[in-house]
Protein backbone atom coordinates (compact mmCIF):
# COMPACT_ATOMS: atom_id res chain seq x y z
CA MET A 1 64.32 108.02 -62.59
CA ASN A 2 62.27 107.43 -59.49
CA LEU A 3 62.85 109.29 -56.25
CA GLU A 4 63.83 106.17 -54.32
CA GLN A 5 66.62 105.43 -56.82
CA VAL A 6 68.05 108.92 -56.31
CA GLU A 7 67.86 108.47 -52.54
CA LEU A 8 69.68 105.13 -52.77
CA MET A 9 72.44 106.61 -54.97
CA ILE A 10 73.06 109.37 -52.42
CA LYS A 11 73.02 106.91 -49.51
CA ALA A 12 75.52 104.69 -51.35
CA LYS A 13 78.07 107.54 -51.18
CA LEU A 14 76.94 108.97 -47.83
CA PRO A 15 75.78 105.92 -45.84
CA ASP A 16 74.72 107.88 -42.75
CA ALA A 17 72.65 110.37 -44.74
CA GLN A 18 69.03 111.20 -44.19
CA VAL A 19 67.69 111.98 -47.65
CA GLN A 20 64.41 113.52 -48.80
CA VAL A 21 63.89 113.79 -52.56
CA GLN A 22 61.05 115.71 -54.17
CA ASP A 23 59.96 115.92 -57.81
CA LEU A 24 59.56 119.64 -58.50
CA THR A 25 57.74 119.42 -61.85
CA GLY A 26 56.10 115.99 -61.97
CA GLY A 27 58.31 114.90 -64.85
CA GLY A 28 60.85 113.04 -62.76
CA ASP A 29 63.86 114.98 -64.02
CA HIS A 30 63.75 118.24 -62.00
CA LEU A 31 64.36 117.26 -58.41
CA GLN A 32 65.14 118.74 -55.03
CA ALA A 33 67.04 116.82 -52.37
CA ILE A 34 67.51 117.59 -48.71
CA VAL A 35 70.54 115.70 -47.44
CA VAL A 36 71.62 115.54 -43.80
CA SER A 37 74.97 113.88 -43.12
CA SER A 38 77.69 114.02 -40.49
CA GLU A 39 80.16 113.75 -43.41
CA PHE A 40 79.41 117.42 -44.13
CA GLU A 41 81.01 118.50 -40.83
CA GLY A 42 83.74 121.09 -41.45
CA LYS A 43 83.10 121.21 -45.21
CA THR A 44 82.02 124.25 -47.20
CA LEU A 45 78.58 124.33 -48.76
CA VAL A 46 80.20 123.96 -52.19
CA LYS A 47 82.10 120.84 -51.07
CA GLN A 48 78.92 119.39 -49.54
CA HIS A 49 77.07 119.85 -52.82
CA GLN A 50 79.97 118.36 -54.77
CA MET A 51 79.78 115.26 -52.57
CA VAL A 52 76.08 114.81 -53.39
CA TYR A 53 76.54 115.54 -57.10
CA ALA A 54 79.30 112.89 -57.19
CA ALA A 55 76.72 110.36 -56.03
CA VAL A 56 74.30 111.13 -58.88
CA LYS A 57 76.71 112.22 -61.63
CA GLU A 58 75.97 109.27 -63.93
CA SER A 59 72.25 109.97 -63.88
CA MET A 60 72.88 113.65 -64.52
CA ALA A 61 75.25 112.85 -67.39
CA SER A 62 72.62 110.64 -69.02
CA GLU A 63 70.02 113.36 -68.36
CA ALA A 64 67.83 110.99 -66.32
CA ILE A 65 68.12 113.89 -63.89
CA HIS A 66 68.11 117.23 -65.66
CA ALA A 67 68.23 119.48 -62.58
CA LEU A 68 68.90 118.83 -58.92
CA ALA A 69 68.40 121.53 -56.31
CA LEU A 70 70.22 120.74 -53.08
CA LYS A 71 69.88 121.66 -49.46
CA THR A 72 72.62 120.10 -47.35
CA TYR A 73 72.96 120.10 -43.59
CA THR A 74 75.04 118.59 -40.85
CA PRO A 75 72.85 116.92 -38.19
CA GLU A 76 73.28 119.95 -35.90
CA GLU A 77 72.38 122.40 -38.68
CA TRP A 78 69.33 120.29 -39.53
CA GLU A 79 68.09 120.38 -35.93
CA THR A 80 68.47 124.18 -35.90
CA ALA A 81 66.74 124.54 -39.28
CA ARG A 82 63.80 122.38 -38.17
CA GLN A 83 63.36 124.42 -34.98
CA THR A 84 63.18 127.72 -36.87
CA THR A 85 60.52 126.62 -39.38
């Protein structure tokens, strides 16, 4: 599974999303994604993660993706996070 495919799967479910995907181990199956979407507004962190997992569930079920670490933000949260780093 290449990183661009994962990004496209997430964007298919969250069209306005800004997505950054990183391969954590070099093997292509342990990934980290940063997802910024206005669709996360008013949703709990758990719900936000469920929305992203729903986008990649088939790849996780087939073990093309073994592990996916998530960081999700609304656009406002992302701006704040970027200013503090």
